[in-house]
Amino acid sequence: MDIPEFRTERLLLKGVTAADIPAYTQHFVDYEVIRHLAATVPWPYPADGVQDFVLNDILPAQGNDRWVWGLFLQTAPLELIGAVDLWREGKPEHRGFWLGQQFWGQGYMTEAVAPITDYAFAALGFEELIFENAAANLRSRRVKEKMGAEFMQTRTASYVDPSFGESELWRLSKQAWQAFRAD
């Protein structure tokens, strides 16, 4: 099933496809990106890992109970630089994201998650979204703070980087998001 495309001030957000595998691999397979992810993500990352993930995990579920948008700069609309993943079933989180290291610190992820959050609440019927990040991942925390999410708790967790031993859980209700967007 197709998922909607969104255009922001600087980005195009469109469903990840098999054609995106080379750019996905180029920007994702980087320890500085992967170290912030759950320990279930392998490191070193397998040579065919992105291809396997896109073809066997993302595409079969795309638009059903999972939605994965690639992030593309409007100035380079064919090169995926990151992704936002939304799941119907919380694990406990409903959304994850990553961004190629060279694009960090420019506000791209904050820009990207806004239309996806709108879509989750308005079109998909979510009443709340739960987010999680490594407690040491201050950039990820900042995205959540900027969008008005409420900090819930810190808990023990395992990440690719073994020095990260705690995660933060955040909650964003539909009502809080609508109030945030109205400001």
Protein backbone atom coordinates (compact mmCIF):
# COMPACT_ATOMS: atom_id res chain seq x y z
CA MET A 1 0.00 0.00 0.00
CA ASP A 2 1.27 3.47 -0.81
CA ILE A 3 1.81 5.97 1.96
CA PRO A 4 1.36 9.71 1.53
CA GLU A 5 4.19 11.99 0.58
CA PHE A 6 4.82 15.19 2.47
CA ARG A 7 6.75 18.30 1.59
CA THR A 8 8.18 20.52 4.30
CA GLU A 9 10.21 23.69 4.01
CA ARG A 10 13.38 21.76 3.07
CA LEU A 11 12.41 18.10 2.84
CA LEU A 12 10.46 15.57 0.85
CA LEU A 13 9.09 12.64 2.85
CA LYS A 14 8.09 9.61 0.82
CA GLY A 15 7.72 5.90 1.34
CA VAL A 16 10.97 3.94 1.37
CA THR A 17 11.38 1.71 -1.69
CA ALA A 18 13.94 -0.80 -2.94
CA ALA A 19 15.43 1.99 -5.07
CA ASP A 20 16.49 3.74 -1.85
CA ILE A 21 18.68 0.87 -0.62
CA PRO A 22 22.04 2.30 -1.84
CA ALA A 23 21.53 5.74 -0.21
CA TYR A 24 19.97 4.13 2.88
CA THR A 25 23.08 1.99 3.21
CA GLN A 26 25.43 4.92 2.62
CA HIS A 27 23.94 7.08 5.38
CA PHE A 28 22.76 4.43 7.86
CA VAL A 29 25.71 2.05 8.09
CA ASP A 30 27.75 4.32 10.34
CA TYR A 31 28.56 3.48 13.94
CA GLU A 32 27.73 7.03 15.04
CA VAL A 33 24.17 6.54 13.68
CA ILE A 34 23.67 2.92 14.72
CA ARG A 35 25.16 3.22 18.22
CA HIS A 36 22.00 5.00 19.40
CA LEU A 37 19.74 2.13 18.35
CA ALA A 38 18.53 -0.86 20.37
CA ALA A 39 21.03 -3.68 20.87
CA THR A 40 18.88 -5.87 18.61
CA VAL A 41 20.41 -3.97 15.67
CA PRO A 42 23.64 -5.80 14.76
CA TRP A 43 27.06 -4.19 14.79
CA PRO A 44 29.11 -4.55 12.71
CA TYR A 45 26.16 -4.14 10.39
CA PRO A 46 25.89 -6.94 7.78
CA ALA A 47 26.84 -6.02 4.20
CA ASP A 48 23.35 -6.97 2.96
CA GLY A 49 21.59 -5.78 6.12
CA VAL A 50 19.83 -2.74 4.67
CA GLN A 51 18.66 -4.66 1.61
CA ASP A 52 17.33 -7.46 3.81
CA PHE A 53 15.63 -4.99 6.16
CA VAL A 54 13.96 -2.97 3.39
CA LEU A 55 12.84 -5.97 1.33
CA ASN A 56 11.78 -8.28 4.17
CA ASP A 57 10.70 -5.98 7.02
CA ILE A 58 9.67 -2.61 5.63
CA LEU A 59 8.07 -3.31 2.25
CA PRO A 60 5.77 -6.21 3.23
CA ALA A 61 4.23 -4.12 6.04
CA GLN A 62 4.43 -0.69 4.36
CA GLY A 63 1.12 1.13 4.72
CA ASN A 64 -0.55 -1.67 6.67
CA ASP A 65 0.65 -1.59 10.26
CA ARG A 66 3.95 0.14 9.55
CA TRP A 67 4.80 3.32 7.68
CA VAL A 68 8.39 4.18 6.79
CA TRP A 69 9.20 7.50 5.18
CA GLY A 70 12.54 8.30 3.65
CA LEU A 71 13.82 11.82 4.17
CA PHE A 72 15.10 13.57 1.05
CA LEU A 73 16.40 17.10 0.72
CA GLN A 74 14.33 19.04 -1.82
CA THR A 75 17.65 19.96 -3.45
CA ALA A 76 18.54 16.23 -3.80
CA PRO A 77 15.19 14.44 -4.14
CA LEU A 78 16.67 11.05 -5.09
CA GLU A 79 19.08 10.60 -2.15
CA LEU A 80 17.58 9.25 1.06
CA ILE A 81 19.35 10.86 4.04
CA GLY A 82 17.32 9.38 6.88
CA ALA A 83 14.04 7.71 7.76
CA VAL A 84 11.09 7.93 10.13
CA ASP A 85 9.41 4.64 11.05
CA LEU A 86 5.90 4.54 12.54
CA TRP A 87 4.36 1.34 13.98
CA ARG A 88 0.74 0.66 14.89
CA GLU A 89 1.79 -1.74 17.64
CA GLY A 90 3.95 -0.03 20.24
CA LYS A 91 7.16 -1.78 21.30
CA PRO A 92 6.44 0.28 23.56
CA GLU A 93 7.37 3.10 21.19
CA HIS A 94 5.42 3.87 18.04
CA ARG A 95 8.06 5.82 16.18
CA GLY A 96 11.75 5.60 15.50
CA PHE A 97 14.06 7.60 13.29
CA TRP A 98 17.59 7.97 12.11
CA LEU A 99 19.46 10.60 10.13
CA GLY A 100 22.80 10.46 8.35
CA GLN A 101 25.51 12.00 10.53
CA GLN A 102 26.41 14.78 8.10
CA PHE A 103 22.84 16.12 8.42
CA TRP A 104 22.72 16.31 12.23
CA GLY A 105 22.17 19.58 14.03
CA GLN A 106 20.25 21.29 11.22
CA GLY A 107 16.69 20.72 12.43
CA TYR A 108 15.79 18.22 9.71
CA MET A 109 14.32 15.59 12.02
CA THR A 110 12.17 18.08 13.92
CA GLU A 111 10.90 19.29 10.54
CA ALA A 112 10.26 15.73 9.34
CA VAL A 113 8.30 14.40 12.30
CA ALA A 114 5.65 17.16 12.26
CA PRO A 115 3.67 16.04 9.17
CA ILE A 116 4.10 12.39 10.16
CA THR A 117 2.70 13.13 13.62
CA ASP A 118 -0.20 15.02 12.01
CA TYR A 119 -0.85 11.98 9.81
CA ALA A 120 -0.66 9.53 12.74
CA PHE A 121 -3.31 11.42 14.69
CA ALA A 122 -5.57 12.68 11.90
CA ALA A 123 -5.52 9.89 9.31
CA LEU A 124 -4.44 6.80 11.23
CA GLY A 125 -6.48 7.42 14.38
CA PHE A 126 -3.73 7.21 16.98
CA GLU A 127 -4.84 8.66 20.32
CA GLU A 128 -1.29 8.78 21.69
CA LEU A 129 2.24 8.09 20.56
CA ILE A 130 5.00 6.70 22.74
CA PHE A 131 8.61 7.54 21.86
CA GLU A 132 11.85 6.12 23.22
CA ASN A 133 15.48 7.11 22.98
CA ALA A 134 18.79 6.28 24.59
CA ALA A 135 19.06 8.61 27.59
CA ALA A 136 22.46 9.69 26.26
CA ASN A 137 21.00 10.66 22.87
CA LEU A 138 20.42 14.34 23.55
CA ARG A 139 19.55 15.17 19.92
CA SER A 140 16.73 12.62 19.91
CA ARG A 141 15.50 13.92 23.25
CA ARG A 142 15.49 17.45 21.87
CA VAL A 143 13.23 16.45 18.96
CA LYS A 144 10.70 15.12 21.44
CA GLU A 145 10.91 18.22 23.62
CA LYS A 146 10.47 20.51 20.60
CA MET A 147 7.26 18.72 19.61
CA GLY A 148 5.71 18.98 23.06
CA ALA A 149 6.07 15.36 24.16
CA GLU A 150 5.80 14.66 27.87
CA PHE A 151 8.68 12.84 29.60
CA MET A 152 7.38 9.71 31.34
CA GLN A 153 10.30 7.76 32.78
CA THR A 154 13.83 6.48 32.49
CA ARG A 155 14.37 2.73 32.42
CA THR A 156 17.13 0.20 31.89
CA ALA A 157 17.77 -0.66 28.23
CA SER A 158 20.44 -2.07 25.93
CA TYR A 159 21.81 -0.25 22.91
CA VAL A 160 24.37 -0.99 20.22
CA ASP A 161 26.73 1.27 22.18
CA PRO A 162 27.12 -0.69 25.43
CA SER A 163 27.83 2.51 27.37
CA PHE A 164 24.17 3.47 26.91
CA GLY A 165 22.30 1.63 29.65
CA GLU A 166 19.13 3.66 30.01
CA SER A 167 16.29 4.79 27.80
CA GLU A 168 13.81 7.61 28.13
CA LEU A 169 10.11 7.13 27.41
CA TRP A 170 8.00 10.01 26.16
CA ARG A 171 4.27 10.36 25.52
CA LEU A 172 2.41 12.62 23.14
CA SER A 173 -1.39 12.59 23.23
CA LYS A 174 -3.51 13.62 20.29
CA GLN A 175 -4.96 16.44 22.40
CA ALA A 176 -1.51 17.73 23.42
CA TRP A 177 -0.32 17.61 19.79
CA GLN A 178 -3.36 19.53 18.57
CA ALA A 179 -2.80 22.18 21.26
CA PHE A 180 0.90 22.36 20.38
CA ARG A 181 0.12 22.78 16.66
CA ALA A 182 -2.48 25.49 17.42
CA ASP A 183 0.13 27.68 19.15
